[in-house]
Amino acid sequence: MAAKPHRIAVIDALPTEMQDHALVGMKDAAALLNVCVPQARKIIRDAGIPLVELTERKKLPRWGALRDFLMSRETVAA
């Protein structure tokens, strides 16, 4: 996994019961996925990660769902 953006480190500093519900900006999601923002949106949408609709145009994933998706993509080195 790519290096965690500062905002993700801030989420990790939240109380455990709040972390999964924190929203992740698309720029941070793109950094974690190591792609550009439009590609991150497509990957998240195609993976079926639920999004929280803040406005008609702005929808963001929760950290818990995004983290689970990232962990599902991890591979073990041979």
PDB file of N, CA and C in Angstrom:
ATOM      1  N   MET A   1       0.855  -1.169   0.000  1.00  0.00           N
ATOM      2  CA  MET A   1       0.000   0.000   0.000  1.00  0.00           C
ATOM      3  C   MET A   1       0.902   1.232   0.000  1.00  0.00           C
ATOM      4  N   ALA A   2       0.454   2.255  -0.699  1.00  0.00           N
ATOM      5  CA  ALA A   2       1.212   3.504  -0.779  1.00  0.00           C
ATOM      6  C   ALA A   2       1.280   4.162   0.598  1.00  0.00           C
ATOM      7  N   ALA A   3       2.179   5.122   0.726  1.00  0.00           N
ATOM      8  CA  ALA A   3       2.293   5.853   1.994  1.00  0.00           C
ATOM      9  C   ALA A   3       0.975   6.546   2.307  1.00  0.00           C
ATOM     10  N   LYS A   4       0.641   6.583   3.588  1.00  0.00           N
ATOM     11  CA  LYS A   4      -0.618   7.192   3.999  1.00  0.00           C
ATOM     12  C   LYS A   4      -0.532   8.709   3.924  1.00  0.00           C
ATOM     13  N   PRO A   5      -1.518   9.320   3.278  1.00  0.00           N
ATOM     14  CA  PRO A   5      -1.583  10.780   3.312  1.00  0.00           C
ATOM     15  C   PRO A   5      -1.806  11.256   4.747  1.00  0.00           C
ATOM     16  N   HIS A   6      -1.452  12.490   5.005  1.00  0.00           N
ATOM     17  CA  HIS A   6      -1.577  13.072   6.345  1.00  0.00           C
ATOM     18  C   HIS A   6      -2.997  12.927   6.898  1.00  0.00           C
ATOM     19  N   ARG A   7      -4.001  13.136   6.060  1.00  0.00           N
ATOM     20  CA  ARG A   7      -5.390  13.072   6.540  1.00  0.00           C
ATOM     21  C   ARG A   7      -5.759  11.670   7.019  1.00  0.00           C
ATOM     22  N   ILE A   8      -5.173  10.648   6.406  1.00  0.00           N
ATOM     23  CA  ILE A   8      -5.437   9.272   6.849  1.00  0.00           C
ATOM     24  C   ILE A   8      -4.780   9.034   8.202  1.00  0.00           C
ATOM     25  N   ALA A   9      -3.606   9.596   8.404  1.00  0.00           N
ATOM     26  CA  ALA A   9      -2.956   9.496   9.713  1.00  0.00           C
ATOM     27  C   ALA A   9      -3.820  10.166  10.779  1.00  0.00           C
ATOM     28  N   VAL A  10      -4.467  11.263  10.423  1.00  0.00           N
ATOM     29  CA  VAL A  10      -5.375  11.945  11.355  1.00  0.00           C
ATOM     30  C   VAL A  10      -6.559  11.037  11.671  1.00  0.00           C
ATOM     31  N   ILE A  11      -7.106  10.370  10.668  1.00  0.00           N
ATOM     32  CA  ILE A  11      -8.219   9.440  10.898  1.00  0.00           C
ATOM     33  C   ILE A  11      -7.770   8.320  11.830  1.00  0.00           C
ATOM     34  N   ASP A  12      -6.559   7.806  11.615  1.00  0.00           N
ATOM     35  CA  ASP A  12      -6.036   6.742  12.473  1.00  0.00           C
ATOM     36  C   ASP A  12      -5.881   7.193  13.922  1.00  0.00           C
ATOM     37  N   ALA A  13      -5.752   8.504  14.137  1.00  0.00           N
ATOM     38  CA  ALA A  13      -5.604   9.034  15.493  1.00  0.00           C
ATOM     39  C   ALA A  13      -6.955   9.202  16.203  1.00  0.00           C
ATOM     40  N   LEU A  14      -8.051   9.078  15.459  1.00  0.00           N
ATOM     41  CA  LEU A  14      -9.382   9.182  16.073  1.00  0.00           C
ATOM     42  C   LEU A  14      -9.640   7.985  16.982  1.00  0.00           C
ATOM     43  N   PRO A  15     -10.583   8.119  17.911  1.00  0.00           N
ATOM     44  CA  PRO A  15     -10.974   6.939  18.696  1.00  0.00           C
ATOM     45  C   PRO A  15     -11.430   5.814  17.760  1.00  0.00           C
ATOM     46  N   THR A  16     -11.115   4.604  18.113  1.00  0.00           N
ATOM     47  CA  THR A  16     -11.385   3.438  17.266  1.00  0.00           C
ATOM     48  C   THR A  16     -12.819   3.398  16.760  1.00  0.00           C
ATOM     49  N   GLU A  17     -13.777   3.702  17.604  1.00  0.00           N
ATOM     50  CA  GLU A  17     -15.180   3.612  17.198  1.00  0.00           C
ATOM     51  C   GLU A  17     -15.565   4.664  16.165  1.00  0.00           C
ATOM     52  N   MET A  18     -14.732   5.673  15.955  1.00  0.00           N
ATOM     53  CA  MET A  18     -15.023   6.727  14.983  1.00  0.00           C
ATOM     54  C   MET A  18     -14.294   6.514  13.650  1.00  0.00           C
ATOM     55  N   GLN A  19     -13.215   5.759  13.648  1.00  0.00           N
ATOM     56  CA  GLN A  19     -12.366   5.644  12.459  1.00  0.00           C
ATOM     57  C   GLN A  19     -13.098   5.113  11.239  1.00  0.00           C
ATOM     58  N   ASP A  20     -13.853   4.041  11.380  1.00  0.00           N
ATOM     59  CA  ASP A  20     -14.524   3.430  10.231  1.00  0.00           C
ATOM     60  C   ASP A  20     -15.511   4.371   9.566  1.00  0.00           C
ATOM     61  N   HIS A  21     -16.042   5.332  10.314  1.00  0.00           N
ATOM     62  CA  HIS A  21     -17.080   6.214   9.795  1.00  0.00           C
ATOM     63  C   HIS A  21     -16.542   7.519   9.233  1.00  0.00           C
ATOM     64  N   ALA A  22     -15.253   7.760   9.363  1.00  0.00           N
ATOM     65  CA  ALA A  22     -14.649   8.986   8.832  1.00  0.00           C
ATOM     66  C   ALA A  22     -14.659   8.932   7.308  1.00  0.00           C
ATOM     67  N   LEU A  23     -14.977  10.056   6.682  1.00  0.00           N
ATOM     68  CA  LEU A  23     -15.013  10.123   5.230  1.00  0.00           C
ATOM     69  C   LEU A  23     -13.627  10.420   4.678  1.00  0.00           C
ATOM     70  N   VAL A  24     -13.314   9.804   3.549  1.00  0.00           N
ATOM     71  CA  VAL A  24     -12.009   9.971   2.906  1.00  0.00           C
ATOM     72  C   VAL A  24     -12.201  10.761   1.616  1.00  0.00           C
ATOM     73  N   GLY A  25     -11.464  11.854   1.482  1.00  0.00           N
ATOM     74  CA  GLY A  25     -11.512  12.645   0.256  1.00  0.00           C
ATOM     75  C   GLY A  25     -10.960  11.856  -0.920  1.00  0.00           C
ATOM     76  N   MET A  26     -11.425  12.180  -2.102  1.00  0.00           N
ATOM     77  CA  MET A  26     -10.990  11.452  -3.288  1.00  0.00           C
ATOM     78  C   MET A  26      -9.502  11.644  -3.567  1.00  0.00           C
ATOM     79  N   LYS A  27      -8.929  12.796  -3.228  1.00  0.00           N
ATOM     80  CA  LYS A  27      -7.487  12.982  -3.425  1.00  0.00           C
ATOM     81  C   LYS A  27      -6.705  11.996  -2.558  1.00  0.00           C
ATOM     82  N   ASP A  28      -7.160  11.806  -1.318  1.00  0.00           N
ATOM     83  CA  ASP A  28      -6.488  10.847  -0.430  1.00  0.00           C
ATOM     84  C   ASP A  28      -6.705   9.416  -0.908  1.00  0.00           C
ATOM     85  N   ALA A  29      -7.922   9.112  -1.359  1.00  0.00           N
ATOM     86  CA  ALA A  29      -8.202   7.774  -1.885  1.00  0.00           C
ATOM     87  C   ALA A  29      -7.324   7.505  -3.099  1.00  0.00           C
ATOM     88  N   ALA A  30      -7.174   8.503  -3.959  1.00  0.00           N
ATOM     89  CA  ALA A  30      -6.327   8.346  -5.145  1.00  0.00           C
ATOM     90  C   ALA A  30      -4.874   8.100  -4.746  1.00  0.00           C
ATOM     91  N   ALA A  31      -4.409   8.809  -3.731  1.00  0.00           N
ATOM     92  CA  ALA A  31      -3.035   8.613  -3.264  1.00  0.00           C
ATOM     93  C   ALA A  31      -2.851   7.202  -2.724  1.00  0.00           C
ATOM     94  N   LEU A  32      -3.824   6.705  -1.970  1.00  0.00           N
ATOM     95  CA  LEU A  32      -3.734   5.350  -1.416  1.00  0.00           C
ATOM     96  C   LEU A  32      -3.780   4.291  -2.517  1.00  0.00           C
ATOM     97  N   LEU A  33      -4.548   4.560  -3.564  1.00  0.00           N
ATOM     98  CA  LEU A  33      -4.662   3.615  -4.673  1.00  0.00           C
ATOM     99  C   LEU A  33      -3.551   3.799  -5.704  1.00  0.00           C
ATOM    100  N   ASN A  34      -2.786   4.880  -5.545  1.00  0.00           N
ATOM    101  CA  ASN A  34      -1.681   5.204  -6.454  1.00  0.00           C
ATOM    102  C   ASN A  34      -2.162   5.413  -7.886  1.00  0.00           C
ATOM    103  N   VAL A  35      -3.272   6.146  -8.010  1.00  0.00           N
ATOM    104  CA  VAL A  35      -3.844   6.489  -9.316  1.00  0.00           C
ATOM    105  C   VAL A  35      -4.307   7.941  -9.263  1.00  0.00           C
ATOM    106  N   CYS A  36      -4.764   8.462 -10.400  1.00  0.00           N
ATOM    107  CA  CYS A  36      -5.314   9.821 -10.411  1.00  0.00           C
ATOM    108  C   CYS A  36      -6.754   9.790  -9.885  1.00  0.00           C
ATOM    109  N   VAL A  37      -7.283  10.953  -9.559  1.00  0.00           N
ATOM    110  CA  VAL A  37      -8.612  11.043  -8.940  1.00  0.00           C
ATOM    111  C   VAL A  37      -9.706  10.398  -9.797  1.00  0.00           C
ATOM    112  N   PRO A  38      -9.785  10.680 -11.105  1.00  0.00           N
ATOM    113  CA  PRO A  38     -10.845  10.022 -11.895  1.00  0.00           C
ATOM    114  C   PRO A  38     -10.735   8.495 -11.860  1.00  0.00           C
ATOM    115  N   GLN A  39      -9.518   7.970 -11.909  1.00  0.00           N
ATOM    116  CA  GLN A  39      -9.344   6.512 -11.840  1.00  0.00           C
ATOM    117  C   GLN A  39      -9.753   5.990 -10.468  1.00  0.00           C
ATOM    118  N   ALA A  40      -9.443   6.734  -9.408  1.00  0.00           N
ATOM    119  CA  ALA A  40      -9.828   6.321  -8.058  1.00  0.00           C
ATOM    120  C   ALA A  40     -11.344   6.235  -7.944  1.00  0.00           C
ATOM    121  N   ARG A  41     -12.030   7.239  -8.484  1.00  0.00           N
ATOM    122  CA  ARG A  41     -13.502   7.205  -8.462  1.00  0.00           C
ATOM    123  C   ARG A  41     -14.027   5.950  -9.160  1.00  0.00           C
ATOM    124  N   LYS A  42     -13.451   5.635 -10.312  1.00  0.00           N
ATOM    125  CA  LYS A  42     -13.905   4.470 -11.071  1.00  0.00           C
ATOM    126  C   LYS A  42     -13.612   3.176 -10.308  1.00  0.00           C
ATOM    127  N   ILE A  43     -12.421   3.060  -9.758  1.00  0.00           N
ATOM    128  CA  ILE A  43     -12.059   1.856  -9.002  1.00  0.00           C
ATOM    129  C   ILE A  43     -13.004   1.672  -7.820  1.00  0.00           C
ATOM    130  N   ILE A  44     -13.259   2.742  -7.091  1.00  0.00           N
ATOM    131  CA  ILE A  44     -14.140   2.684  -5.918  1.00  0.00           C
ATOM    132  C   ILE A  44     -15.559   2.312  -6.328  1.00  0.00           C
ATOM    133  N   ARG A  45     -16.039   2.944  -7.396  1.00  0.00           N
ATOM    134  CA  ARG A  45     -17.397   2.653  -7.880  1.00  0.00           C
ATOM    135  C   ARG A  45     -17.493   1.203  -8.353  1.00  0.00           C
ATOM    136  N   ASP A  46     -16.502   0.759  -9.158  1.00  0.00           N
ATOM    137  CA  ASP A  46     -16.520  -0.615  -9.695  1.00  0.00           C
ATOM    138  C   ASP A  46     -16.394  -1.660  -8.594  1.00  0.00           C
ATOM    139  N   ALA A  47     -15.694  -1.325  -7.516  1.00  0.00           N
ATOM    140  CA  ALA A  47     -15.531  -2.268  -6.403  1.00  0.00           C
ATOM    141  C   ALA A  47     -16.781  -2.349  -5.526  1.00  0.00           C
ATOM    142  N   GLY A  48     -17.724  -1.440  -5.764  1.00  0.00           N
ATOM    143  CA  GLY A  48     -18.962  -1.464  -4.972  1.00  0.00           C
ATOM    144  C   GLY A  48     -18.796  -0.893  -3.578  1.00  0.00           C
ATOM    145  N   ILE A  49     -17.756  -0.088  -3.377  1.00  0.00           N
ATOM    146  CA  ILE A  49     -17.558   0.542  -2.071  1.00  0.00           C
ATOM    147  C   ILE A  49     -18.669   1.566  -1.882  1.00  0.00           C
ATOM    148  N   PRO A  50     -19.428   1.467  -0.794  1.00  0.00           N
ATOM    149  CA  PRO A  50     -20.526   2.416  -0.585  1.00  0.00           C
ATOM    150  C   PRO A  50     -20.001   3.836  -0.406  1.00  0.00           C
ATOM    151  N   LEU A  51     -20.738   4.794  -0.970  1.00  0.00           N
ATOM    152  CA  LEU A  51     -20.368   6.194  -0.876  1.00  0.00           C
ATOM    153  C   LEU A  51     -21.413   6.963  -0.094  1.00  0.00           C
ATOM    154  N   VAL A  52     -20.964   7.954   0.638  1.00  0.00           N
ATOM    155  CA  VAL A  52     -21.864   8.844   1.366  1.00  0.00           C
ATOM    156  C   VAL A  52     -22.082  10.057   0.487  1.00  0.00           C
ATOM    157  N   GLU A  53     -23.333  10.364   0.184  1.00  0.00           N
ATOM    158  CA  GLU A  53     -23.652  11.491  -0.680  1.00  0.00           C
ATOM    159  C   GLU A  53     -23.737  12.767   0.147  1.00  0.00           C
ATOM    160  N   LEU A  54     -22.717  13.608   0.017  1.00  0.00           N
ATOM    161  CA  LEU A  54     -22.705  14.883   0.737  1.00  0.00           C
ATOM    162  C   LEU A  54     -23.516  15.924  -0.018  1.00  0.00           C
ATOM    163  N   THR A  55     -23.348  15.956  -1.316  1.00  0.00           N
ATOM    164  CA  THR A  55     -24.141  16.803  -2.207  1.00  0.00           C
ATOM    165  C   THR A  55     -24.421  15.969  -3.444  1.00  0.00           C
ATOM    166  N   GLU A  56     -25.169  16.531  -4.371  1.00  0.00           N
ATOM    167  CA  GLU A  56     -25.490  15.789  -5.586  1.00  0.00           C
ATOM    168  C   GLU A  56     -24.225  15.381  -6.336  1.00  0.00           C
ATOM    169  N   ARG A  57     -23.191  16.212  -6.281  1.00  0.00           N
ATOM    170  CA  ARG A  57     -21.961  15.937  -7.025  1.00  0.00           C
ATOM    171  C   ARG A  57     -20.835  15.363  -6.169  1.00  0.00           C
ATOM    172  N   LYS A  58     -20.934  15.444  -4.861  1.00  0.00           N
ATOM    173  CA  LYS A  58     -19.832  15.006  -4.007  1.00  0.00           C
ATOM    174  C   LYS A  58     -20.244  13.796  -3.176  1.00  0.00           C
ATOM    175  N   LYS A  59     -19.587  12.680  -3.484  1.00  0.00           N
ATOM    176  CA  LYS A  59     -19.832  11.425  -2.770  1.00  0.00           C
ATOM    177  C   LYS A  59     -18.484  10.886  -2.326  1.00  0.00           C
ATOM    178  N   LEU A  60     -18.369  10.520  -1.073  1.00  0.00           N
ATOM    179  CA  LEU A  60     -17.089  10.062  -0.525  1.00  0.00           C
ATOM    180  C   LEU A  60     -17.235   8.713   0.170  1.00  0.00           C
ATOM    181  N   PRO A  61     -16.176   7.897   0.119  1.00  0.00           N
ATOM    182  CA  PRO A  61     -16.209   6.618   0.831  1.00  0.00           C
ATOM    183  C   PRO A  61     -15.865   6.807   2.303  1.00  0.00           C
ATOM    184  N   ARG A  62     -16.336   5.880   3.119  1.00  0.00           N
ATOM    185  CA  ARG A  62     -15.926   5.837   4.520  1.00  0.00           C
ATOM    186  C   ARG A  62     -14.579   5.121   4.604  1.00  0.00           C
ATOM    187  N   TRP A  63     -13.771   5.495   5.588  1.00  0.00           N
ATOM    188  CA  TRP A  63     -12.442   4.906   5.747  1.00  0.00           C
ATOM    189  C   TRP A  63     -12.511   3.396   5.954  1.00  0.00           C
ATOM    190  N   GLY A  64     -13.459   2.922   6.749  1.00  0.00           N
ATOM    191  CA  GLY A  64     -13.544   1.486   7.021  1.00  0.00           C
ATOM    192  C   GLY A  64     -13.735   0.674   5.752  1.00  0.00           C
ATOM    193  N   ALA A  65     -14.621   1.124   4.871  1.00  0.00           N
ATOM    194  CA  ALA A  65     -14.882   0.398   3.622  1.00  0.00           C
ATOM    195  C   ALA A  65     -13.689   0.480   2.686  1.00  0.00           C
ATOM    196  N   LEU A  66     -13.077   1.656   2.589  1.00  0.00           N
ATOM    197  CA  LEU A  66     -11.912   1.815   1.722  1.00  0.00           C
ATOM    198  C   LEU A  66     -10.732   0.999   2.244  1.00  0.00           C
ATOM    199  N   ARG A  67     -10.528   1.017   3.552  1.00  0.00           N
ATOM    200  CA  ARG A  67      -9.434   0.243   4.164  1.00  0.00           C
ATOM    201  C   ARG A  67      -9.633  -1.253   3.892  1.00  0.00           C
ATOM    202  N   ASP A  68     -10.864  -1.745   4.051  1.00  0.00           N
ATOM    203  CA  ASP A  68     -11.138  -3.163   3.798  1.00  0.00           C
ATOM    204  C   ASP A  68     -10.845  -3.519   2.338  1.00  0.00           C
ATOM    205  N   PHE A  69     -11.208  -2.616   1.420  1.00  0.00           N
ATOM    206  CA  PHE A  69     -10.931  -2.849   0.006  1.00  0.00           C
ATOM    207  C   PHE A  69      -9.432  -2.898  -0.241  1.00  0.00           C
ATOM    208  N   LEU A  70      -8.696  -1.959   0.321  1.00  0.00           N
ATOM    209  CA  LEU A  70      -7.244  -1.937   0.145  1.00  0.00           C
ATOM    210  C   LEU A  70      -6.606  -3.202   0.696  1.00  0.00           C
ATOM    211  N   MET A  71      -7.068  -3.639   1.848  1.00  0.00           N
ATOM    212  CA  MET A  71      -6.522  -4.854   2.452  1.00  0.00           C
ATOM    213  C   MET A  71      -6.834  -6.074   1.596  1.00  0.00           C
ATOM    214  N   SER A  72      -7.993  -6.090   0.937  1.00  0.00           N
ATOM    215  CA  SER A  72      -8.355  -7.229   0.082  1.00  0.00           C
ATOM    216  C   SER A  72      -7.458  -7.316  -1.142  1.00  0.00           C
ATOM    217  N   ARG A  73      -6.807  -6.223  -1.506  1.00  0.00           N
ATOM    218  CA  ARG A  73      -5.929  -6.191  -2.678  1.00  0.00           C
ATOM    219  C   ARG A  73      -4.470  -6.508  -2.328  1.00  0.00           C
ATOM    220  N   GLU A  74      -4.171  -6.620  -1.031  1.00  0.00           N
ATOM    221  CA  GLU A  74      -2.792  -6.911  -0.629  1.00  0.00           C
ATOM    222  C   GLU A  74      -2.406  -8.313  -1.078  1.00  0.00           C
ATOM    223  N   THR A  75      -1.139  -8.445  -1.450  1.00  0.00           N
ATOM    224  CA  THR A  75      -0.621  -9.755  -1.811  1.00  0.00           C
ATOM    225  C   THR A  75       0.561 -10.077  -0.921  1.00  0.00           C
ATOM    226  N   VAL A  76       0.781 -11.342  -0.711  1.00  0.00           N
ATOM    227  CA  VAL A  76       1.908 -11.790   0.104  1.00  0.00           C
ATOM    228  C   VAL A  76       3.087 -12.052  -0.810  1.00  0.00           C
ATOM    229  N   ALA A  77       4.238 -11.501  -0.469  1.00  0.00           N
ATOM    230  CA  ALA A  77       5.437 -11.722  -1.273  1.00  0.00           C
ATOM    231  C   ALA A  77       5.835 -13.196  -1.228  1.00  0.00           C
ATOM    232  N   ALA A  78       6.292 -13.696  -2.353  1.00  0.00           N
ATOM    233  CA  ALA A  78       6.677 -15.118  -2.435  1.00  0.00           C
ATOM    234  C   ALA A  78       7.987 -15.362  -1.713  1.00  0.00           C
TER     235      ALA A  78
END
